[in-house]
Amino acid sequence: MNKYSITSILILCGFLFVSSCDVLGEDDFLERYPQDSPSPEVFFVDESSAKQAVISAYWPWARGSWAMFRRDMQILFDGMSDDAHWRPARAASIQQADWNINSDHGTINIYWTQVFRAINAANFAIDGIPILLDRGLQQQQLDPYIAEARFIRAFSYIFLTTFYGDVPLIDRPLSSFEEFNQPRVAVDQIYEQIIIPDLEFGRDNLPAQHPSAHEGSATRAAAAAYLAKAHLYQEDYAAAETAAREAITLAEGDGYELMDDFMAIFDIENDPSPEALFYFQYLETPDQGNNDMVQKLARDIPPALNHVWGAAGWGYHLPQRDLYDAFEEEDPRREYTIFAPGDDWGIYEGSEPFTYTHRGFDEDGNPTSWERTYTAGDVIEYDYRWGETGMNVRKGIYDIGHLADESDAGKDVVVMRMGELYLILAEALAEQGNPEALDWVNAVRARGTVDMPPKEVGYMGMDLVELVRHERRVELAMEGRRLWDLIRWREMKNVFGDGTQVKRHYYSDFLEDMHSRFNSPNLDNYPGDLILFPIPLAEIDQNSEISPADQNPGY
């Protein structure tokens, strides 16, 4: 049973309020803690109840909706960037990938709702756990649980402030209908009052490791890494440098490491890998909130080849040519991340020979074809027709053929790892003009299975900051990070330009269909370089402290 199991959560699910006031009826607020909801005095009886309260704050992120990390969030965030394409399916997802969104867009509203549920669950834990002092527990027993809840609250507010800008600051359980009317608070104030102190408390009070029953729970190294990230996002580069150095020292002392084998980071046999600082854990257990791997697997493969990865997938997580070209030609991480024409798809294990006519283009753009007959043990060549961009994602997929239900995959979703922490320090240094940044970039490039030549200023015609940003893109490709970077760097418009800068298909140069050739998001309606998601219309309609005039620019 994993930490997001139903039995660990049901006792608290009624308490996961959103910041909007459409969740409960007016009568529900006659008492601070209604009889059908867990009041702190009744709920908090021993140390295990403290842990249950904390676990509830993970729930919205891990299981609260298919739109979250359980399935779509990582994939769609890549699809909104220049790294990936969302296979045209589901109108709301197509609109989101094309940046054709408004204040009533369903998934954008789900993010808001689920993240505020996590915040309010965290607040319930932070506010209620001290009651256990009256049950005979000591402060040092309770601080790790409070620290974990504060970590999730900070993690949630980093997300909200990155993608929505100023948002309501909720730092306590809300107990009346009127209290849900909260104004937007400046991002800097939220960092000062919530994010930074919560992460500092987590760094100082979380354990180095958790017992196996609670793998995936935040550790002190995770809090330290996110503290460095928070300072980086604030553009306080000196503080980010200090925090990142401390985080690396702490993490390495606690047994985390920059793994030498790049592919092993994403191998399910290593879940959780020594590189994973913070992740959402999933197990191959029916009906327990699994990670739907089918979303990433190739869709249009011949049925005779389904056995290679265990199933034909839905093919939503599709790399674009622009990402393919971002890798240096000799960088093995490209092959570790992307299946492209000519790559090894896997080993044929069919009992009968299988003949397949491959297709492609020659260097002059002329269509070509060749026939291959595969017998058991042969290496299968990837064909561009198996993905709508002529490519498929390789990083993080695994063979799910042994599962009775293909949606019961158990791959962890890693959201912070040592490679990124090294690059956080590198970015903080580069932004201060310190060439030591390249020492940390080159440490990432020097992994045994990567072994790329060290970068120096001017390498590939890039300055110091550009070199670090490039390394972030190729190291973290298809991990859902790119959109975060483009938003905080205010680079969306520059990257996409007139809509014909970002190549979509592997054979873009030889295709005529503009839809297949270029990624052209709808960015014209944004007046400035800071592009944010809209404040949900439901929030504006129901929150008297937020008016239509407070809406983010462009909506």
Protein backbone atom coordinates (compact mmCIF):
# COMPACT_ATOMS: atom_id res chain seq x y z
CA MET A 1 0.00 0.00 0.00
CA ASN A 2 1.55 3.31 -0.98
CA LYS A 3 1.37 6.57 0.88
CA TYR A 4 -1.52 7.85 -1.22
CA SER A 5 -3.72 4.83 -0.48
CA ILE A 6 -7.43 5.24 0.00
CA THR A 7 -7.36 3.98 3.56
CA SER A 8 -4.86 6.67 4.55
CA ILE A 9 -6.95 9.45 3.09
CA LEU A 10 -10.69 8.88 3.35
CA ILE A 11 -10.78 10.07 6.94
CA LEU A 12 -9.71 13.52 5.77
CA CYS A 13 -11.16 13.83 2.27
CA GLY A 14 -14.08 15.90 3.48
CA PHE A 15 -11.73 18.55 4.76
CA LEU A 16 -9.94 19.31 1.51
CA PHE A 17 -11.60 22.67 0.84
CA VAL A 18 -10.76 24.89 -2.12
CA SER A 19 -10.34 28.61 -1.74
CA SER A 20 -13.58 29.23 -3.60
CA CYS A 21 -16.80 29.17 -1.64
CA ASP A 22 -18.77 26.79 -3.86
CA VAL A 23 -17.65 23.72 -1.96
CA LEU A 24 -19.86 23.86 1.12
CA GLY A 25 -23.32 25.05 1.85
CA GLU A 26 -23.91 28.01 4.15
CA ASP A 27 -25.20 25.82 6.96
CA ASP A 28 -21.93 23.91 7.03
CA PHE A 29 -20.25 26.92 8.59
CA LEU A 30 -22.52 27.17 11.63
CA GLU A 31 -19.77 25.35 13.52
CA ARG A 32 -16.05 25.72 12.98
CA TYR A 33 -15.69 21.95 12.65
CA PRO A 34 -18.99 20.37 11.51
CA GLN A 35 -19.91 16.98 12.93
CA ASP A 36 -19.27 15.25 9.60
CA SER A 37 -15.76 16.74 9.29
CA PRO A 38 -12.73 15.92 11.43
CA SER A 39 -12.23 18.54 14.11
CA PRO A 40 -8.64 18.70 15.34
CA GLU A 41 -9.71 17.83 18.90
CA VAL A 42 -11.30 14.58 17.71
CA PHE A 43 -8.94 13.68 14.91
CA PHE A 44 -5.53 14.22 16.50
CA VAL A 45 -5.20 11.45 19.07
CA ASP A 46 -1.71 10.00 18.46
CA GLU A 47 1.36 10.26 16.27
CA SER A 48 -0.18 8.23 13.45
CA SER A 49 -3.00 10.76 13.11
CA ALA A 50 -0.40 13.48 12.59
CA LYS A 51 1.03 11.48 9.69
CA GLN A 52 -2.43 10.89 8.23
CA ALA A 53 -3.11 14.62 8.31
CA VAL A 54 0.12 15.31 6.45
CA ILE A 55 -0.56 12.62 3.86
CA SER A 56 -3.83 14.33 2.96
CA ALA A 57 -1.86 17.32 1.68
CA TYR A 58 -0.16 15.12 -0.93
CA TRP A 59 -3.47 13.71 -2.15
CA PRO A 60 -4.54 16.56 -4.50
CA TRP A 61 -1.14 16.50 -6.21
CA ALA A 62 -0.87 12.74 -6.56
CA ARG A 63 -4.45 11.48 -6.86
CA GLY A 64 -6.83 14.41 -6.74
CA SER A 65 -7.43 14.49 -10.48
CA TRP A 66 -6.17 12.92 -13.70
CA ALA A 67 -5.08 16.45 -14.59
CA MET A 68 -2.40 16.34 -11.88
CA PHE A 69 0.80 14.28 -11.67
CA ARG A 70 -1.13 11.02 -11.78
CA ARG A 71 -1.40 11.41 -15.53
CA ASP A 72 -1.58 14.65 -17.51
CA MET A 73 0.23 17.52 -15.78
CA GLN A 74 3.79 16.66 -16.74
CA ILE A 75 2.78 15.75 -20.30
CA LEU A 76 0.63 18.82 -20.94
CA PHE A 77 3.19 21.19 -19.46
CA ASP A 78 5.73 19.84 -21.93
CA GLY A 79 3.11 20.19 -24.66
CA MET A 80 2.70 23.89 -23.83
CA SER A 81 6.42 24.45 -24.37
CA ASP A 82 8.82 24.14 -27.30
CA ASP A 83 9.90 20.65 -26.17
CA ALA A 84 6.84 18.59 -26.99
CA HIS A 85 3.55 18.26 -28.82
CA TRP A 86 0.30 17.03 -27.37
CA ARG A 87 -1.31 14.54 -29.76
CA PRO A 88 -4.53 16.21 -30.95
CA ALA A 89 -7.15 14.62 -28.72
CA ARG A 90 -9.58 16.01 -26.11
CA ALA A 91 -10.65 19.54 -26.97
CA ALA A 92 -9.64 21.07 -23.63
CA SER A 93 -6.15 19.58 -23.87
CA ILE A 94 -5.69 20.77 -27.46
CA GLN A 95 -6.70 24.27 -26.39
CA GLN A 96 -4.26 24.17 -23.49
CA ALA A 97 -1.34 22.95 -25.59
CA ASP A 98 -2.07 25.72 -28.11
CA TRP A 99 -2.36 28.35 -25.36
CA ASN A 100 -5.94 28.91 -26.50
CA ILE A 101 -7.16 29.18 -22.92
CA ASN A 102 -9.50 31.47 -21.01
CA SER A 103 -10.66 31.96 -17.44
CA ASP A 104 -13.22 29.17 -17.77
CA HIS A 105 -10.82 26.52 -19.06
CA GLY A 106 -11.49 23.31 -17.15
CA THR A 107 -7.95 22.01 -16.60
CA ILE A 108 -6.51 25.40 -15.68
CA ASN A 109 -9.30 25.64 -13.09
CA ILE A 110 -8.51 22.14 -11.81
CA TYR A 111 -4.92 23.13 -11.11
CA TRP A 112 -6.13 26.06 -9.01
CA THR A 113 -8.68 23.97 -7.12
CA GLN A 114 -6.45 20.97 -6.42
CA VAL A 115 -3.48 23.05 -5.30
CA PHE A 116 -5.57 25.09 -2.89
CA ARG A 117 -6.97 21.83 -1.55
CA ALA A 118 -3.40 20.75 -0.83
CA ILE A 119 -2.74 24.08 0.91
CA ASN A 120 -5.83 23.84 3.06
CA ALA A 121 -5.06 20.24 3.99
CA ALA A 122 -1.55 21.33 4.95
CA ASN A 123 -2.98 24.17 7.03
CA PHE A 124 -5.26 21.72 8.84
CA ALA A 125 -2.22 19.63 9.75
CA ILE A 126 -0.08 22.61 10.77
CA ASP A 127 -2.86 24.07 12.91
CA GLY A 128 -4.00 20.80 14.48
CA ILE A 129 -0.88 18.74 15.15
CA PRO A 130 0.16 20.85 18.18
CA ILE A 131 -2.96 19.54 19.95
CA LEU A 132 -0.97 16.35 20.43
CA LEU A 133 1.15 18.14 23.01
CA ASP A 134 -1.89 17.72 25.27
CA ARG A 135 -1.85 13.99 24.47
CA GLY A 136 1.63 13.55 25.92
CA LEU A 137 3.77 13.92 22.77
CA GLN A 138 6.83 16.15 22.75
CA GLN A 139 7.52 19.07 20.41
CA GLN A 140 10.49 17.29 18.84
CA GLN A 141 8.16 14.41 17.91
CA LEU A 142 5.71 16.76 16.22
CA ASP A 143 8.05 19.13 14.40
CA PRO A 144 8.85 16.69 11.53
CA TYR A 145 5.14 16.33 10.72
CA ILE A 146 4.57 20.06 10.88
CA ALA A 147 7.66 20.55 8.70
CA GLU A 148 6.33 18.11 6.11
CA ALA A 149 2.98 19.91 5.92
CA ARG A 150 4.78 23.24 5.61
CA PHE A 151 6.92 21.80 2.80
CA ILE A 152 3.83 20.83 0.80
CA ARG A 153 2.32 24.25 1.43
CA ALA A 154 5.47 25.93 0.12
CA PHE A 155 5.67 23.52 -2.83
CA SER A 156 2.06 24.39 -3.67
CA TYR A 157 2.62 28.13 -3.46
CA ILE A 158 5.68 27.97 -5.70
CA PHE A 159 3.41 26.43 -8.33
CA LEU A 160 0.60 28.96 -7.87
CA THR A 161 2.84 32.03 -7.92
CA THR A 162 4.76 30.76 -10.96
CA PHE A 163 1.69 30.15 -13.09
CA TYR A 164 -0.98 32.50 -11.67
CA GLY A 165 1.11 35.31 -10.19
CA ASP A 166 -0.52 37.04 -7.22
CA VAL A 167 -2.92 34.65 -5.46
CA PRO A 168 -4.78 34.51 -2.14
CA LEU A 169 -2.51 33.79 0.80
CA ILE A 170 -4.17 31.14 2.97
CA ASP A 171 -2.08 30.36 6.04
CA ARG A 172 -4.68 28.84 8.37
CA PRO A 173 -7.78 26.63 8.17
CA LEU A 174 -10.73 28.74 7.05
CA SER A 175 -13.81 28.38 9.23
CA SER A 176 -16.53 30.68 7.87
CA PHE A 177 -18.15 31.37 4.54
CA GLU A 178 -16.82 34.91 4.53
CA GLU A 179 -13.22 33.86 5.14
CA PHE A 180 -13.06 32.30 1.71
CA ASN A 181 -13.19 35.82 0.27
CA GLN A 182 -9.46 36.49 0.15
CA PRO A 183 -7.67 39.07 -2.03
CA ARG A 184 -4.74 38.39 -4.28
CA VAL A 185 -1.45 38.92 -2.49
CA ALA A 186 1.79 39.96 -4.17
CA VAL A 187 4.15 37.14 -5.11
CA ASP A 188 7.04 38.64 -3.12
CA GLN A 189 4.90 38.76 0.00
CA ILE A 190 3.91 35.09 -0.38
CA TYR A 191 7.57 34.13 -0.71
CA GLU A 192 8.45 36.18 2.37
CA GLN A 193 5.57 34.99 4.57
CA ILE A 194 5.08 31.39 3.42
CA ILE A 195 7.48 29.87 0.93
CA ILE A 196 10.90 30.80 2.35
CA PRO A 197 10.11 30.28 6.07
CA ASP A 198 8.24 27.03 5.37
CA LEU A 199 11.18 25.60 3.43
CA GLU A 200 13.70 26.76 6.01
CA PHE A 201 11.62 25.04 8.70
CA GLY A 202 11.49 21.92 6.55
CA ARG A 203 15.25 21.92 6.01
CA ASP A 204 15.82 22.19 9.75
CA ASN A 205 13.14 19.77 10.99
CA LEU A 206 12.46 17.11 8.38
CA PRO A 207 14.25 13.76 8.71
CA ALA A 208 17.08 12.66 6.45
CA GLN A 209 15.06 9.61 5.39
CA HIS A 210 11.63 8.09 6.02
CA PRO A 211 10.73 4.46 6.72
CA SER A 212 9.86 2.39 3.65
CA ALA A 213 6.13 2.69 4.37
CA HIS A 214 6.39 6.41 3.67
CA GLU A 215 8.86 6.55 0.79
CA GLY A 216 8.30 9.69 -1.21
CA SER A 217 7.63 11.85 1.83
CA ALA A 218 9.61 15.08 1.81
CA THR A 219 13.04 14.95 3.44
CA ARG A 220 15.31 17.71 4.70
CA ALA A 221 17.33 17.46 1.47
CA ALA A 222 14.15 18.01 -0.57
CA ALA A 223 13.28 21.09 1.49
CA ALA A 224 16.84 22.42 1.13
CA ALA A 225 16.72 21.91 -2.66
CA TYR A 226 13.38 23.69 -2.95
CA LEU A 227 14.67 26.52 -0.78
CA ALA A 228 17.43 27.05 -3.35
CA LYS A 229 14.85 26.86 -6.13
CA ALA A 230 12.64 29.40 -4.34
CA HIS A 231 15.48 31.94 -4.10
CA LEU A 232 16.30 31.30 -7.76
CA TYR A 233 12.69 31.97 -8.75
CA GLN A 234 12.82 35.21 -6.76
CA GLU A 235 15.94 36.13 -8.74
CA ASP A 236 17.85 36.46 -5.47
CA TYR A 237 20.88 34.78 -6.95
CA ALA A 238 23.26 35.25 -4.03
CA ALA A 239 20.77 33.61 -1.67
CA ALA A 240 20.09 30.88 -4.25
CA GLU A 241 23.82 30.18 -4.49
CA THR A 242 24.20 29.85 -0.73
CA ALA A 243 21.09 27.69 -0.40
CA ALA A 244 22.08 25.44 -3.30
CA ARG A 245 25.57 24.83 -1.91
CA GLU A 246 24.05 23.94 1.45
CA ALA A 247 21.46 21.69 -0.23
CA ILE A 248 24.08 19.78 -2.23
CA THR A 249 26.21 19.22 0.87
CA LEU A 250 23.19 18.11 2.89
CA ALA A 251 21.81 15.85 0.15
CA GLU A 252 25.12 14.14 -0.53
CA GLY A 253 25.63 13.64 3.18
CA ASP A 254 22.21 11.98 3.36
CA GLY A 255 23.02 9.51 0.59
CA TYR A 256 21.66 11.23 -2.52
CA GLU A 257 23.96 11.33 -5.51
CA LEU A 258 24.37 12.45 -9.09
CA MET A 259 24.07 9.01 -10.68
CA ASP A 260 26.71 7.93 -13.14
CA ASP A 261 24.23 5.96 -15.26
CA PHE A 262 21.75 8.42 -16.78
CA MET A 263 19.20 5.81 -17.85
CA ALA A 264 19.25 4.20 -14.41
CA ILE A 265 17.70 7.39 -12.97
CA PHE A 266 14.48 6.54 -14.81
CA ASP A 267 14.55 2.74 -14.55
CA ILE A 268 11.55 1.49 -12.56
CA GLU A 269 13.81 -1.14 -11.00
CA ASN A 270 15.56 1.74 -9.22
CA ASP A 271 12.42 3.53 -7.96
CA PRO A 272 13.22 5.57 -6.01
CA SER A 273 16.66 6.21 -7.48
CA PRO A 274 19.44 7.74 -5.36
CA GLU A 275 19.12 10.86 -7.52
CA ALA A 276 15.44 11.48 -6.70
CA LEU A 277 15.22 14.24 -4.09
CA PHE A 278 11.42 14.58 -4.23
CA TYR A 279 8.92 12.49 -6.11
CA PHE A 280 5.34 11.25 -6.08
CA GLN A 281 5.31 7.53 -5.51
CA TYR A 282 3.10 5.11 -7.44
CA LEU A 283 2.84 1.34 -7.23
CA GLU A 284 1.53 -1.33 -9.58
CA THR A 285 -1.56 -1.81 -7.45
CA PRO A 286 -5.09 -1.70 -8.93
CA ASP A 287 -7.21 1.31 -7.98
CA GLN A 288 -4.50 2.96 -5.90
CA GLY A 289 -3.89 6.09 -7.94
CA ASN A 290 -1.39 4.76 -10.42
CA ASN A 291 0.64 6.64 -13.00
CA ASP A 292 -0.95 5.99 -16.38
CA MET A 293 2.08 5.03 -18.48
CA VAL A 294 -0.13 4.32 -21.52
CA GLN A 295 -0.26 8.09 -22.08
CA LYS A 296 3.43 8.09 -23.06
CA LEU A 297 3.77 4.89 -25.09
CA ALA A 298 3.73 5.00 -28.90
CA ARG A 299 0.27 4.86 -30.42
CA ASP A 300 0.67 3.87 -34.04
CA ILE A 301 3.02 0.89 -33.84
CA PRO A 302 2.10 -2.33 -35.72
CA PRO A 303 0.21 -4.73 -33.40
CA ALA A 304 2.91 -7.35 -33.97
CA LEU A 305 5.32 -5.05 -32.09
CA ASN A 306 3.11 -4.25 -29.10
CA HIS A 307 5.03 -6.76 -27.00
CA VAL A 308 8.18 -4.61 -26.96
CA TRP A 309 6.77 -2.15 -24.38
CA GLY A 310 3.79 -4.24 -23.39
CA ALA A 311 1.04 -2.26 -25.12
CA ALA A 312 0.17 0.24 -27.78
CA GLY A 313 -0.07 3.60 -26.05
CA TRP A 314 -2.04 6.78 -26.50
CA GLY A 315 1.00 8.69 -27.74
CA TYR A 316 0.33 12.04 -26.05
CA HIS A 317 3.90 12.86 -24.93
CA LEU A 318 5.61 13.61 -28.24
CA PRO A 319 9.04 15.25 -28.55
CA GLN A 320 9.39 17.98 -31.17
CA ARG A 321 12.15 18.50 -33.68
CA ASP A 322 13.13 21.69 -31.88
CA LEU A 323 14.06 19.67 -28.79
CA TYR A 324 15.83 17.02 -30.90
CA ASP A 325 17.99 19.74 -32.46
CA ALA A 326 18.75 21.29 -29.07
CA PHE A 327 20.90 18.29 -28.19
CA GLU A 328 24.47 18.32 -29.40
CA GLU A 329 24.85 15.73 -32.13
CA GLU A 330 27.02 13.42 -30.02
CA ASP A 331 25.04 13.84 -26.77
CA PRO A 332 23.78 10.36 -25.78
CA ARG A 333 21.03 11.95 -23.69
CA ARG A 334 19.15 12.57 -26.92
CA GLU A 335 18.81 8.84 -27.55
CA TYR A 336 18.09 8.24 -23.86
CA THR A 337 15.25 10.77 -24.07
CA ILE A 338 13.78 10.40 -27.57
CA PHE A 339 12.95 7.66 -30.06
CA ALA A 340 13.70 9.06 -33.52
CA PRO A 341 13.92 7.49 -36.99
CA GLY A 342 16.71 4.95 -37.16
CA ASP A 343 16.91 4.45 -33.37
CA ASP A 344 16.62 1.02 -31.77
CA TRP A 345 13.02 0.52 -30.67
CA GLY A 346 13.59 -2.76 -28.85
CA ILE A 347 14.05 -6.49 -29.40
CA TYR A 348 11.63 -8.48 -31.51
CA GLU A 349 10.36 -11.48 -29.56
CA GLY A 350 7.59 -12.76 -31.84
CA SER A 351 7.32 -16.48 -32.51
CA GLU A 352 6.89 -15.89 -36.25
CA PRO A 353 8.92 -13.63 -38.57
CA PHE A 354 7.38 -10.21 -39.12
CA THR A 355 7.94 -8.19 -42.30
CA TYR A 356 7.51 -4.44 -42.18
CA THR A 357 7.97 -1.73 -44.79
CA HIS A 358 9.73 1.23 -43.23
CA ARG A 359 9.38 4.69 -44.69
CA GLY A 360 11.34 7.92 -44.45
CA PHE A 361 12.99 10.67 -46.47
CA ASP A 362 16.45 10.91 -47.93
CA GLU A 363 18.70 13.93 -47.39
CA ASP A 364 17.10 15.69 -50.37
CA GLY A 365 13.59 15.21 -49.02
CA ASN A 366 12.59 12.41 -51.35
CA PRO A 367 10.33 9.72 -49.86
CA THR A 368 12.08 6.40 -49.38
CA SER A 369 11.06 2.95 -48.18
CA TRP A 370 12.79 -0.29 -47.26
CA GLU A 371 11.55 -3.67 -46.15
CA ARG A 372 12.77 -5.49 -43.04
CA THR A 373 11.88 -8.98 -41.87
CA TYR A 374 12.30 -9.34 -38.12
CA THR A 375 12.88 -12.65 -36.38
CA ALA A 376 13.28 -13.35 -32.66
CA GLY A 377 16.24 -11.46 -31.24
CA ASP A 378 16.44 -8.83 -33.96
CA VAL A 379 16.69 -5.15 -33.05
CA ILE A 380 13.66 -3.23 -34.34
CA GLU A 381 14.24 0.06 -36.09
CA TYR A 382 12.01 2.96 -35.02
CA ASP A 383 9.73 4.27 -37.79
CA TYR A 384 8.64 7.91 -37.90
CA ARG A 385 5.01 6.99 -38.47
CA TRP A 386 4.70 5.69 -34.90
CA GLY A 387 4.41 9.21 -33.49
CA GLU A 388 2.65 12.31 -34.83
CA THR A 389 5.90 14.28 -34.60
CA GLY A 390 7.88 11.43 -36.14
CA MET A 391 9.27 10.72 -32.65
CA ASN A 392 8.24 9.28 -29.29
CA VAL A 393 9.44 9.76 -25.74
CA ARG A 394 11.97 7.24 -24.41
CA LYS A 395 12.81 8.69 -21.01
CA GLY A 396 10.82 7.19 -18.17
CA ILE A 397 8.79 4.54 -20.01
CA TYR A 398 8.93 0.85 -19.17
CA ASP A 399 7.46 -2.49 -20.26
CA ILE A 400 3.92 -2.77 -18.83
CA GLY A 401 3.03 -6.03 -20.53
CA HIS A 402 2.80 -7.87 -17.20
CA LEU A 403 -0.04 -5.67 -15.94
CA ALA A 404 -3.62 -6.94 -16.05
CA ASP A 405 -4.77 -3.34 -16.49
CA GLU A 406 -2.42 -1.17 -18.54
CA SER A 407 -3.39 1.92 -16.52
CA ASP A 408 -2.03 0.36 -13.32
CA ALA A 409 1.55 1.44 -14.02
CA GLY A 410 3.70 2.22 -11.02
CA LYS A 411 6.39 4.60 -12.23
CA ASP A 412 7.29 7.33 -9.75
CA VAL A 413 7.06 10.93 -10.96
CA VAL A 414 10.27 12.70 -9.95
CA VAL A 415 9.92 16.47 -9.58
CA MET A 416 13.33 17.31 -8.11
CA ARG A 417 16.57 15.41 -8.59
CA MET A 418 20.25 15.98 -8.00
CA GLY A 419 20.95 16.87 -11.63
CA GLU A 420 18.53 19.78 -11.35
CA LEU A 421 19.96 20.87 -8.01
CA TYR A 422 23.44 21.09 -9.57
CA LEU A 423 21.96 23.22 -12.35
CA ILE A 424 20.15 25.45 -9.85
CA LEU A 425 23.55 26.28 -8.37
CA ALA A 426 24.98 26.71 -11.86
CA GLU A 427 22.22 29.16 -12.80
CA ALA A 428 22.60 31.16 -9.61
CA LEU A 429 26.33 31.50 -10.30
CA ALA A 430 25.88 32.29 -13.99
CA GLU A 431 23.40 35.08 -13.24
CA GLN A 432 26.09 36.64 -11.04
CA GLY A 433 28.68 36.31 -13.80
CA ASN A 434 30.65 33.66 -11.92
CA PRO A 435 32.30 31.18 -14.33
CA GLU A 436 32.24 28.53 -11.58
CA ALA A 437 28.77 27.87 -13.01
CA LEU A 438 30.40 25.74 -15.70
CA ASP A 439 32.01 23.48 -13.09
CA TRP A 440 28.52 22.36 -12.04
CA VAL A 441 27.26 22.15 -15.62
CA ASN A 442 30.25 20.01 -16.53
CA ALA A 443 29.74 17.77 -13.51
CA VAL A 444 26.31 16.91 -14.96
CA ARG A 445 27.81 16.39 -18.42
CA ALA A 446 30.56 14.16 -17.03
CA ARG A 447 28.27 11.30 -15.98
CA GLY A 448 29.83 8.05 -17.14
CA THR A 449 27.04 7.29 -19.62
CA VAL A 450 26.91 10.88 -20.89
CA ASP A 451 30.60 11.83 -21.00
CA MET A 452 30.14 15.06 -22.94
CA PRO A 453 33.07 17.45 -23.37
CA PRO A 454 33.17 20.29 -20.84
CA LYS A 455 31.57 23.57 -21.74
CA GLU A 456 33.45 26.83 -21.60
CA VAL A 457 32.27 30.38 -22.21
CA GLY A 458 31.62 30.80 -25.92
CA TYR A 459 30.96 27.08 -26.45
CA MET A 460 28.31 26.73 -29.18
CA GLY A 461 28.36 30.54 -29.42
CA MET A 462 26.61 30.94 -26.05
CA ASP A 463 27.32 33.19 -23.12
CA LEU A 464 27.44 31.91 -19.54
CA VAL A 465 23.72 32.21 -18.81
CA GLU A 466 22.76 30.69 -22.17
CA LEU A 467 25.06 27.71 -21.57
CA VAL A 468 23.36 26.92 -18.27
CA ARG A 469 19.89 27.34 -19.74
CA HIS A 470 20.79 25.05 -22.62
CA GLU A 471 22.03 22.41 -20.21
CA ARG A 472 18.79 22.59 -18.21
CA ARG A 473 16.83 21.94 -21.37
CA VAL A 474 18.68 18.85 -22.52
CA GLU A 475 19.29 17.36 -19.06
CA LEU A 476 15.67 17.75 -17.90
CA ALA A 477 13.96 17.24 -21.27
CA MET A 478 10.51 15.59 -21.20
CA GLU A 479 10.36 15.81 -17.40
CA GLY A 480 7.79 18.64 -17.35
CA ARG A 481 10.31 21.35 -16.36
CA ARG A 482 10.66 23.38 -19.54
CA LEU A 483 7.44 25.38 -19.19
CA TRP A 484 8.40 26.46 -15.67
CA ASP A 485 11.64 27.84 -17.06
CA LEU A 486 10.15 29.66 -20.05
CA ILE A 487 7.55 31.33 -17.83
CA ARG A 488 9.96 32.49 -15.12
CA TRP A 489 12.55 33.62 -17.67
CA ARG A 490 9.79 35.47 -19.57
CA GLU A 491 10.99 33.77 -22.73
CA MET A 492 7.76 32.35 -24.17
CA LYS A 493 7.31 34.99 -26.87
CA ASN A 494 10.99 35.05 -27.74
CA VAL A 495 11.13 31.27 -28.09
CA PHE A 496 8.03 30.93 -30.26
CA GLY A 497 8.48 34.16 -32.21
CA ASP A 498 6.13 34.47 -35.16
CA GLY A 499 4.95 30.88 -34.76
CA THR A 500 7.32 29.38 -37.31
CA GLN A 501 10.43 29.11 -35.17
CA VAL A 502 9.73 25.90 -33.30
CA LYS A 503 9.86 22.88 -35.56
CA ARG A 504 7.41 20.15 -34.70
CA HIS A 505 8.00 17.07 -36.88
CA TYR A 506 11.24 15.16 -37.29
CA TYR A 507 10.89 15.67 -41.04
CA SER A 508 9.68 19.27 -40.75
CA ASP A 509 11.98 20.44 -43.55
CA PHE A 510 10.34 18.04 -45.99
CA LEU A 511 6.68 18.50 -45.07
CA GLU A 512 4.23 21.01 -46.50
CA ASP A 513 1.51 20.97 -43.85
CA MET A 514 2.20 23.92 -41.52
CA HIS A 515 0.41 22.11 -38.68
CA SER A 516 2.92 19.28 -38.94
CA ARG A 517 5.91 21.54 -39.38
CA PHE A 518 5.59 24.23 -36.69
CA ASN A 519 4.38 24.67 -33.13
CA SER A 520 2.38 27.91 -33.23
CA PRO A 521 0.79 28.69 -29.86
CA ASN A 522 -1.66 31.53 -29.44
CA LEU A 523 0.47 34.15 -27.67
CA ASP A 524 -0.69 37.28 -29.50
CA ASN A 525 -3.25 38.22 -26.86
CA TYR A 526 -0.63 38.59 -24.11
CA PRO A 527 0.49 42.22 -23.89
CA GLY A 528 3.80 41.62 -22.13
CA ASP A 529 6.51 39.01 -21.77
CA LEU A 530 5.17 37.68 -18.46
CA ILE A 531 2.59 35.09 -19.48
CA LEU A 532 0.42 33.60 -16.76
CA PHE A 533 -2.61 31.34 -16.50
CA PRO A 534 -5.94 33.11 -15.92
CA ILE A 535 -7.48 33.40 -12.48
CA PRO A 536 -10.45 31.02 -12.78
CA LEU A 537 -13.76 32.67 -13.59
CA ALA A 538 -15.43 30.72 -10.78
CA GLU A 539 -13.02 32.30 -8.29
CA ILE A 540 -13.71 35.79 -9.61
CA ASP A 541 -17.48 35.19 -9.54
CA GLN A 542 -17.52 33.87 -5.98
CA ASN A 543 -14.70 35.73 -4.26
CA SER A 544 -15.79 39.27 -3.41
CA GLU A 545 -12.15 40.29 -2.92
CA ILE A 546 -11.19 39.52 -6.54
CA SER A 547 -12.88 41.46 -9.34
CA PRO A 548 -12.74 41.06 -13.14
CA ALA A 549 -10.36 44.03 -13.16
CA ASP A 550 -7.89 41.92 -11.17
CA GLN A 551 -7.61 39.31 -13.92
CA ASN A 552 -4.17 38.54 -15.34
CA PRO A 553 -3.26 40.38 -18.57
CA GLY A 554 -4.40 38.72 -21.77
CA TYR A 555 -7.76 37.39 -20.59
